[in-house]
Amino acid sequence: DAVLAASRALILDPLAGHAPARTQIADPDLRG
């Protein structure tokens, strides 16, 4: 939250709106 407050989007965020369960760093599908 603090990083988001200290940054801004360069383009439309391609990960916005996805369920947190689908955006886990350990998920092999997300890693690609």
Full PDB file with SEQRES, HELIX, SHEET, SSBOND, CRYST1, ORIGX, SCALE, CONECT and MASTER records, all heavy atoms in Angstrom:
SEQRES   1 A   32  ASP ALA VAL LEU ALA ALA SER ARG ALA LEU ILE LEU ASP          
SEQRES   2 A   32  PRO LEU ALA GLY HIS ALA PRO ALA ARG THR GLN ILE ALA          
SEQRES   3 A   32  ASP PRO ASP LEU ARG GLY                                      
HELIX    1 AA1 ALA A    2  ALA A    5  1                                   4    
HELIX    2 AA2 PRO A   20  ARG A   22  5                                   3    
HELIX    3 AA3 PRO A   28  ARG A   31  1                                   4    
CRYST1    1.000    1.000    1.000  90.00  90.00  90.00 P 1           1          
ORIGX1      1.000000  0.000000  0.000000        0.00000                         
ORIGX2      0.000000  1.000000  0.000000        0.00000                         
ORIGX3      0.000000  0.000000  1.000000        0.00000                         
SCALE1      1.000000  0.000000  0.000000        0.00000                         
SCALE2      0.000000  1.000000  0.000000        0.00000                         
SCALE3      0.000000  0.000000  1.000000        0.00000                         
ATOM      1  N   ASP A   1       0.834  -1.217   0.000  1.00  0.00           N  
ATOM      2  CA  ASP A   1       0.000   0.000   0.000  1.00  0.00           C  
ATOM      3  C   ASP A   1       0.862   1.258   0.000  1.00  0.00           C  
ATOM      4  O   ASP A   1       0.583   2.218  -0.717  1.00  0.00           O  
ATOM      5  CB  ASP A   1      -0.949   0.014   1.204  1.00  0.00           C  
ATOM      6  CG  ASP A   1      -2.046  -1.035   1.092  1.00  0.00           C  
ATOM      7  OD1 ASP A   1      -2.348  -1.456  -0.051  1.00  0.00           O  
ATOM      8  OD2 ASP A   1      -2.605  -1.435   2.132  1.00  0.00           O  
ATOM      9  N   ALA A   2       1.938   1.248   0.792  1.00  0.00           N  
ATOM     10  CA  ALA A   2       2.832   2.406   0.836  1.00  0.00           C  
ATOM     11  C   ALA A   2       3.579   2.571  -0.487  1.00  0.00           C  
ATOM     12  O   ALA A   2       3.794   3.692  -0.957  1.00  0.00           O  
ATOM     13  CB  ALA A   2       3.817   2.262   1.997  1.00  0.00           C  
ATOM     14  N   VAL A   3       3.969   1.465  -1.110  1.00  0.00           N  
ATOM     15  CA  VAL A   3       4.646   1.542  -2.407  1.00  0.00           C  
ATOM     16  C   VAL A   3       3.697   2.100  -3.459  1.00  0.00           C  
ATOM     17  O   VAL A   3       4.076   2.955  -4.268  1.00  0.00           O  
ATOM     18  CB  VAL A   3       5.206   0.166  -2.841  1.00  0.00           C  
ATOM     19  CG1 VAL A   3       5.741   0.220  -4.271  1.00  0.00           C  
ATOM     20  CG2 VAL A   3       6.297  -0.295  -1.880  1.00  0.00           C  
ATOM     21  N   LEU A   4       2.451   1.657  -3.456  1.00  0.00           N  
ATOM     22  CA  LEU A   4       1.468   2.183  -4.408  1.00  0.00           C  
ATOM     23  C   LEU A   4       1.259   3.674  -4.209  1.00  0.00           C  
ATOM     24  O   LEU A   4       1.142   4.431  -5.179  1.00  0.00           O  
ATOM     25  CB  LEU A   4       0.141   1.432  -4.284  1.00  0.00           C  
ATOM     26  CG  LEU A   4       0.149  -0.016  -4.789  1.00  0.00           C  
ATOM     27  CD1 LEU A   4      -1.178  -0.694  -4.456  1.00  0.00           C  
ATOM     28  CD2 LEU A   4       0.444  -0.093  -6.270  1.00  0.00           C  
ATOM     29  N   ALA A   5       1.246   4.118  -2.945  1.00  0.00           N  
ATOM     30  CA  ALA A   5       1.069   5.542  -2.658  1.00  0.00           C  
ATOM     31  C   ALA A   5       2.275   6.370  -3.099  1.00  0.00           C  
ATOM     32  O   ALA A   5       2.130   7.557  -3.396  1.00  0.00           O  
ATOM     33  CB  ALA A   5       0.816   5.744  -1.158  1.00  0.00           C  
ATOM     34  N   ALA A   6       3.448   5.733  -3.162  1.00  0.00           N  
ATOM     35  CA  ALA A   6       4.674   6.439  -3.547  1.00  0.00           C  
ATOM     36  C   ALA A   6       5.047   6.150  -5.003  1.00  0.00           C  
ATOM     37  O   ALA A   6       6.210   6.255  -5.383  1.00  0.00           O  
ATOM     38  CB  ALA A   6       5.817   6.033  -2.625  1.00  0.00           C  
ATOM     39  N   SER A   7       4.062   5.784  -5.807  1.00  0.00           N  
ATOM     40  CA  SER A   7       4.326   5.477  -7.215  1.00  0.00           C  
ATOM     41  C   SER A   7       3.097   5.834  -8.042  1.00  0.00           C  
ATOM     42  O   SER A   7       2.058   6.196  -7.505  1.00  0.00           O  
ATOM     43  CB  SER A   7       4.666   3.995  -7.377  1.00  0.00           C  
ATOM     44  OG  SER A   7       3.564   3.173  -7.026  1.00  0.00           O  
ATOM     45  N   ARG A   8       3.257   5.715  -9.344  1.00  0.00           N  
ATOM     46  CA  ARG A   8       2.111   5.958 -10.230  1.00  0.00           C  
ATOM     47  C   ARG A   8       2.187   5.004 -11.404  1.00  0.00           C  
ATOM     48  O   ARG A   8       3.255   4.483 -11.750  1.00  0.00           O  
ATOM     49  CB  ARG A   8       2.072   7.404 -10.686  1.00  0.00           C  
ATOM     50  CG  ARG A   8       3.256   7.863 -11.479  1.00  0.00           C  
ATOM     51  CD  ARG A   8       3.124   9.359 -11.845  1.00  0.00           C  
ATOM     52  NE  ARG A   8       4.191   9.816 -12.677  1.00  0.00           N  
ATOM     53  CZ  ARG A   8       5.370  10.238 -12.268  1.00  0.00           C  
ATOM     54  NH1 ARG A   8       5.631  10.241 -10.983  1.00  0.00           N  
ATOM     55  NH2 ARG A   8       6.284  10.642 -13.113  1.00  0.00           N  
ATOM     56  N   ALA A   9       1.045   4.781 -12.033  1.00  0.00           N  
ATOM     57  CA  ALA A   9       0.983   3.859 -13.168  1.00  0.00           C  
ATOM     58  C   ALA A   9       1.590   4.509 -14.404  1.00  0.00           C  
ATOM     59  O   ALA A   9       1.329   5.678 -14.686  1.00  0.00           O  
ATOM     60  CB  ALA A   9      -0.461   3.465 -13.432  1.00  0.00           C  
ATOM     61  N   LEU A  10       2.408   3.757 -15.119  1.00  0.00           N  
ATOM     62  CA  LEU A  10       2.959   4.244 -16.385  1.00  0.00           C  
ATOM     63  C   LEU A  10       1.983   4.002 -17.533  1.00  0.00           C  
ATOM     64  O   LEU A  10       1.904   4.787 -18.468  1.00  0.00           O  
ATOM     65  CB  LEU A  10       4.283   3.528 -16.690  1.00  0.00           C  
ATOM     66  CG  LEU A  10       5.472   3.960 -15.852  1.00  0.00           C  
ATOM     67  CD1 LEU A  10       6.652   3.028 -16.087  1.00  0.00           C  
ATOM     68  CD2 LEU A  10       5.869   5.385 -16.194  1.00  0.00           C  
ATOM     69  N   ILE A  11       1.283   2.865 -17.460  1.00  0.00           N  
ATOM     70  CA  ILE A  11       0.255   2.513 -18.435  1.00  0.00           C  
ATOM     71  C   ILE A  11      -0.899   1.899 -17.654  1.00  0.00           C  
ATOM     72  O   ILE A  11      -0.799   1.729 -16.435  1.00  0.00           O  
ATOM     73  CB  ILE A  11       0.778   1.503 -19.483  1.00  0.00           C  
ATOM     74  CG1 ILE A  11       1.198   0.191 -18.811  1.00  0.00           C  
ATOM     75  CG2 ILE A  11       1.920   2.098 -20.296  1.00  0.00           C  
ATOM     76  CD1 ILE A  11       1.531  -0.939 -19.788  1.00  0.00           C  
ATOM     77  N   LEU A  12      -1.974   1.538 -18.324  1.00  0.00           N  
ATOM     78  CA  LEU A  12      -3.036   0.815 -17.641  1.00  0.00           C  
ATOM     79  C   LEU A  12      -2.461  -0.478 -17.086  1.00  0.00           C  
ATOM     80  O   LEU A  12      -1.767  -1.216 -17.794  1.00  0.00           O  
ATOM     81  CB  LEU A  12      -4.193   0.514 -18.602  1.00  0.00           C  
ATOM     82  CG  LEU A  12      -5.005   1.716 -19.069  1.00  0.00           C  
ATOM     83  CD1 LEU A  12      -6.032   1.284 -20.100  1.00  0.00           C  
ATOM     84  CD2 LEU A  12      -5.683   2.399 -17.894  1.00  0.00           C  
ATOM     85  N   ASP A  13      -2.725  -0.739 -15.819  1.00  0.00           N  
ATOM     86  CA  ASP A  13      -2.128  -1.885 -15.143  1.00  0.00           C  
ATOM     87  C   ASP A  13      -2.705  -3.188 -15.698  1.00  0.00           C  
ATOM     88  O   ASP A  13      -3.895  -3.457 -15.551  1.00  0.00           O  
ATOM     89  CB  ASP A  13      -2.392  -1.784 -13.640  1.00  0.00           C  
ATOM     90  CG  ASP A  13      -1.685  -2.851 -12.836  1.00  0.00           C  
ATOM     91  OD1 ASP A  13      -1.142  -3.806 -13.436  1.00  0.00           O  
ATOM     92  OD2 ASP A  13      -1.675  -2.736 -11.603  1.00  0.00           O  
ATOM     93  N   PRO A  14      -1.888  -4.020 -16.320  1.00  0.00           N  
ATOM     94  CA  PRO A  14      -2.389  -5.265 -16.891  1.00  0.00           C  
ATOM     95  C   PRO A  14      -2.829  -6.301 -15.848  1.00  0.00           C  
ATOM     96  O   PRO A  14      -3.520  -7.257 -16.185  1.00  0.00           O  
ATOM     97  CB  PRO A  14      -1.213  -5.796 -17.718  1.00  0.00           C  
ATOM     98  CG  PRO A  14      -0.019  -5.081 -17.217  1.00  0.00           C  
ATOM     99  CD  PRO A  14      -0.476  -3.794 -16.613  1.00  0.00           C  
ATOM    100  N   LEU A  15      -2.458  -6.104 -14.585  1.00  0.00           N  
ATOM    101  CA  LEU A  15      -2.865  -7.037 -13.531  1.00  0.00           C  
ATOM    102  C   LEU A  15      -4.079  -6.551 -12.748  1.00  0.00           C  
ATOM    103  O   LEU A  15      -4.606  -7.276 -11.908  1.00  0.00           O  
ATOM    104  CB  LEU A  15      -1.696  -7.288 -12.570  1.00  0.00           C  
ATOM    105  CG  LEU A  15      -0.459  -7.956 -13.184  1.00  0.00           C  
ATOM    106  CD1 LEU A  15       0.636  -8.095 -12.143  1.00  0.00           C  
ATOM    107  CD2 LEU A  15      -0.810  -9.296 -13.789  1.00  0.00           C  
ATOM    108  N   ALA A  16      -4.533  -5.340 -13.017  1.00  0.00           N  
ATOM    109  CA  ALA A  16      -5.675  -4.772 -12.271  1.00  0.00           C  
ATOM    110  C   ALA A  16      -6.934  -5.587 -12.519  1.00  0.00           C  
ATOM    111  O   ALA A  16      -7.201  -6.044 -13.631  1.00  0.00           O  
ATOM    112  CB  ALA A  16      -5.893  -3.320 -12.693  1.00  0.00           C  
ATOM    113  N   GLY A  17      -7.690  -5.783 -11.459  1.00  0.00           N  
ATOM    114  CA  GLY A  17      -8.980  -6.449 -11.564  1.00  0.00           C  
ATOM    115  C   GLY A  17      -8.947  -7.958 -11.474  1.00  0.00           C  
ATOM    116  O   GLY A  17      -9.987  -8.599 -11.449  1.00  0.00           O  
ATOM    117  N   HIS A  18      -7.756  -8.535 -11.413  1.00  0.00           N  
ATOM    118  CA  HIS A  18      -7.661  -9.986 -11.295  1.00  0.00           C  
ATOM    119  C   HIS A  18      -7.774 -10.386  -9.826  1.00  0.00           C  
ATOM    120  O   HIS A  18      -7.303  -9.680  -8.940  1.00  0.00           O  
ATOM    121  CB  HIS A  18      -6.348 -10.498 -11.876  1.00  0.00           C  
ATOM    122  CG  HIS A  18      -6.249 -10.314 -13.356  1.00  0.00           C  
ATOM    123  ND1 HIS A  18      -6.822 -11.184 -14.253  1.00  0.00           N  
ATOM    124  CD2 HIS A  18      -5.672  -9.342 -14.099  1.00  0.00           C  
ATOM    125  CE1 HIS A  18      -6.593 -10.776 -15.478  1.00  0.00           C  
ATOM    126  NE2 HIS A  18      -5.894  -9.648 -15.418  1.00  0.00           N  
ATOM    127  N   ALA A  19      -8.376 -11.528  -9.580  1.00  0.00           N  
ATOM    128  CA  ALA A  19      -8.540 -12.022  -8.209  1.00  0.00           C  
ATOM    129  C   ALA A  19      -7.167 -12.288  -7.593  1.00  0.00           C  
ATOM    130  O   ALA A  19      -6.273 -12.806  -8.280  1.00  0.00           O  
ATOM    131  CB  ALA A  19      -9.364 -13.298  -8.210  1.00  0.00           C  
ATOM    132  N   PRO A  20      -6.978 -11.937  -6.306  1.00  0.00           N  
ATOM    133  CA  PRO A  20      -5.682 -12.186  -5.652  1.00  0.00           C  
ATOM    134  C   PRO A  20      -5.204 -13.628  -5.768  1.00  0.00           C  
ATOM    135  O   PRO A  20      -4.002 -13.879  -5.866  1.00  0.00           O  
ATOM    136  CB  PRO A  20      -5.943 -11.798  -4.198  1.00  0.00           C  
ATOM    137  CG  PRO A  20      -7.048 -10.789  -4.278  1.00  0.00           C  
ATOM    138  CD  PRO A  20      -7.913 -11.234  -5.427  1.00  0.00           C  
ATOM    139  N   ALA A  21      -6.125 -14.580  -5.792  1.00  0.00           N  
ATOM    140  CA  ALA A  21      -5.728 -15.984  -5.920  1.00  0.00           C  
ATOM    141  C   ALA A  21      -5.065 -16.267  -7.263  1.00  0.00           C  
ATOM    142  O   ALA A  21      -4.273 -17.199  -7.386  1.00  0.00           O  
ATOM    143  CB  ALA A  21      -6.942 -16.891  -5.748  1.00  0.00           C  
ATOM    144  N   ARG A  22      -5.353 -15.449  -8.277  1.00  0.00           N  
ATOM    145  CA  ARG A  22      -4.766 -15.637  -9.609  1.00  0.00           C  
ATOM    146  C   ARG A  22      -3.473 -14.859  -9.804  1.00  0.00           C  
ATOM    147  O   ARG A  22      -2.830 -14.980 -10.836  1.00  0.00           O  
ATOM    148  CB  ARG A  22      -5.768 -15.208 -10.688  1.00  0.00           C  
ATOM    149  CG  ARG A  22      -7.077 -15.937 -10.663  1.00  0.00           C  
ATOM    150  CD  ARG A  22      -7.034 -17.266 -11.347  1.00  0.00           C  
ATOM    151  NE  ARG A  22      -6.646 -17.091 -12.737  1.00  0.00           N  
ATOM    152  CZ  ARG A  22      -6.054 -18.026 -13.456  1.00  0.00           C  
ATOM    153  NH1 ARG A  22      -5.782 -19.189 -12.930  1.00  0.00           N  
ATOM    154  NH2 ARG A  22      -5.719 -17.807 -14.711  1.00  0.00           N  
ATOM    155  N   THR A  23      -3.121 -14.034  -8.820  1.00  0.00           N  
ATOM    156  CA  THR A  23      -1.919 -13.202  -8.966  1.00  0.00           C  
ATOM    157  C   THR A  23      -0.902 -13.469  -7.844  1.00  0.00           C  
ATOM    158  O   THR A  23      -0.273 -12.552  -7.345  1.00  0.00           O  
ATOM    159  CB  THR A  23      -2.290 -11.705  -9.011  1.00  0.00           C  
ATOM    160  OG1 THR A  23      -2.997 -11.357  -7.817  1.00  0.00           O  
ATOM    161  CG2 THR A  23      -3.129 -11.377 -10.236  1.00  0.00           C  
ATOM    162  N   GLN A  24      -0.746 -14.720  -7.500  1.00  0.00           N  
ATOM    163  CA  GLN A  24       0.243 -15.114  -6.501  1.00  0.00           C  
ATOM    164  C   GLN A  24       1.599 -15.315  -7.176  1.00  0.00           C  
ATOM    165  O   GLN A  24       1.689 -15.974  -8.211  1.00  0.00           O  
ATOM    166  CB  GLN A  24      -0.170 -16.404  -5.788  1.00  0.00           C  
ATOM    167  CG  GLN A  24      -1.302 -16.223  -4.792  1.00  0.00           C  
ATOM    168  CD  GLN A  24      -0.883 -15.328  -3.643  1.00  0.00           C  
ATOM    169  OE1 GLN A  24       0.138 -15.539  -2.999  1.00  0.00           O  
ATOM    170  NE2 GLN A  24      -1.687 -14.319  -3.371  1.00  0.00           N  
ATOM    171  N   ILE A  25       2.641 -14.759  -6.597  1.00  0.00           N  
ATOM    172  CA  ILE A  25       3.978 -14.805  -7.182  1.00  0.00           C  
ATOM    173  C   ILE A  25       4.454 -16.233  -7.415  1.00  0.00           C  
ATOM    174  O   ILE A  25       5.222 -16.493  -8.353  1.00  0.00           O  
ATOM    175  CB  ILE A  25       4.999 -14.009  -6.316  1.00  0.00           C  
ATOM    176  CG1 ILE A  25       6.369 -13.900  -6.999  1.00  0.00           C  
ATOM    177  CG2 ILE A  25       5.159 -14.614  -4.942  1.00  0.00           C  
ATOM    178  CD1 ILE A  25       6.395 -13.050  -8.207  1.00  0.00           C  
ATOM    179  N   ALA A  26       4.011 -17.179  -6.618  1.00  0.00           N  
ATOM    180  CA  ALA A  26       4.452 -18.568  -6.768  1.00  0.00           C  
ATOM    181  C   ALA A  26       3.676 -19.327  -7.839  1.00  0.00           C  
ATOM    182  O   ALA A  26       4.051 -20.446  -8.193  1.00  0.00           O  
ATOM    183  CB  ALA A  26       4.337 -19.298  -5.432  1.00  0.00           C  
ATOM    184  N   ASP A  27       2.609 -18.749  -8.374  1.00  0.00           N  
ATOM    185  CA  ASP A  27       1.785 -19.414  -9.391  1.00  0.00           C  
ATOM    186  C   ASP A  27       2.556 -19.490 -10.715  1.00  0.00           C  
ATOM    187  O   ASP A  27       2.900 -18.459 -11.292  1.00  0.00           O  
ATOM    188  CB  ASP A  27       0.483 -18.634  -9.575  1.00  0.00           C  
ATOM    189  CG  ASP A  27      -0.466 -19.276 -10.567  1.00  0.00           C  
ATOM    190  OD1 ASP A  27      -0.047 -20.183 -11.321  1.00  0.00           O  
ATOM    191  OD2 ASP A  27      -1.631 -18.862 -10.607  1.00  0.00           O  
ATOM    192  N   PRO A  28       2.829 -20.700 -11.214  1.00  0.00           N  
ATOM    193  CA  PRO A  28       3.602 -20.829 -12.458  1.00  0.00           C  
ATOM    194  C   PRO A  28       2.945 -20.124 -13.646  1.00  0.00           C  
ATOM    195  O   PRO A  28       3.639 -19.608 -14.525  1.00  0.00           O  
ATOM    196  CB  PRO A  28       3.668 -22.340 -12.697  1.00  0.00           C  
ATOM    197  CG  PRO A  28       3.306 -22.978 -11.413  1.00  0.00           C  
ATOM    198  CD  PRO A  28       2.479 -21.995 -10.647  1.00  0.00           C  
ATOM    199  N   ASP A  29       1.622 -20.096 -13.701  1.00  0.00           N  
ATOM    200  CA  ASP A  29       0.935 -19.417 -14.806  1.00  0.00           C  
ATOM    201  C   ASP A  29       1.196 -17.916 -14.775  1.00  0.00           C  
ATOM    202  O   ASP A  29       1.400 -17.297 -15.816  1.00  0.00           O  
ATOM    203  CB  ASP A  29      -0.569 -19.682 -14.749  1.00  0.00           C  
ATOM    204  CG  ASP A  29      -0.908 -21.142 -15.009  1.00  0.00           C  
ATOM    205  OD1 ASP A  29      -0.124 -21.818 -15.711  1.00  0.00           O  
ATOM    206  OD2 ASP A  29      -1.949 -21.615 -14.516  1.00  0.00           O  
ATOM    207  N   LEU A  30       1.209 -17.329 -13.595  1.00  0.00           N  
ATOM    208  CA  LEU A  30       1.463 -15.897 -13.476  1.00  0.00           C  
ATOM    209  C   LEU A  30       2.917 -15.568 -13.802  1.00  0.00           C  
ATOM    210  O   LEU A  30       3.206 -14.531 -14.392  1.00  0.00           O  
ATOM    211  CB  LEU A  30       1.114 -15.396 -12.069  1.00  0.00           C  
ATOM    212  CG  LEU A  30       1.384 -13.911 -11.843  1.00  0.00           C  
ATOM    213  CD1 LEU A  30       0.434 -13.067 -12.690  1.00  0.00           C  
ATOM    214  CD2 LEU A  30       1.263 -13.548 -10.385  1.00  0.00           C  
ATOM    215  N   ARG A  31       3.812 -16.447 -13.437  1.00  0.00           N  
ATOM    216  CA  ARG A  31       5.235 -16.181 -13.652  1.00  0.00           C  
ATOM    217  C   ARG A  31       5.544 -15.980 -15.141  1.00  0.00           C  
ATOM    218  O   ARG A  31       6.331 -15.118 -15.506  1.00  0.00           O  
ATOM    219  CB  ARG A  31       6.081 -17.294 -13.041  1.00  0.00           C  
ATOM    220  CG  ARG A  31       6.009 -17.279 -11.519  1.00  0.00           C  
ATOM    221  CD  ARG A  31       6.613 -18.524 -10.913  1.00  0.00           C  
ATOM    222  NE  ARG A  31       8.058 -18.530 -10.959  1.00  0.00           N  
ATOM    223  CZ  ARG A  31       8.846 -18.012 -10.034  1.00  0.00           C  
ATOM    224  NH1 ARG A  31       8.312 -17.413  -8.996  1.00  0.00           N  
ATOM    225  NH2 ARG A  31      10.153 -18.093 -10.139  1.00  0.00           N  
ATOM    226  N   GLY A  32       4.930 -16.757 -16.003  1.00  0.00           N  
ATOM    227  CA  GLY A  32       5.115 -16.574 -17.436  1.00  0.00           C  
ATOM    228  C   GLY A  32       4.605 -15.215 -17.891  1.00  0.00           C  
ATOM    229  O   GLY A  32       5.252 -14.526 -18.693  1.00  0.00           O  
TER     230      GLY A  32                                                      
MASTER        0    0    0    3    0    0    0    6  229    1    0    3          
END                                                                             
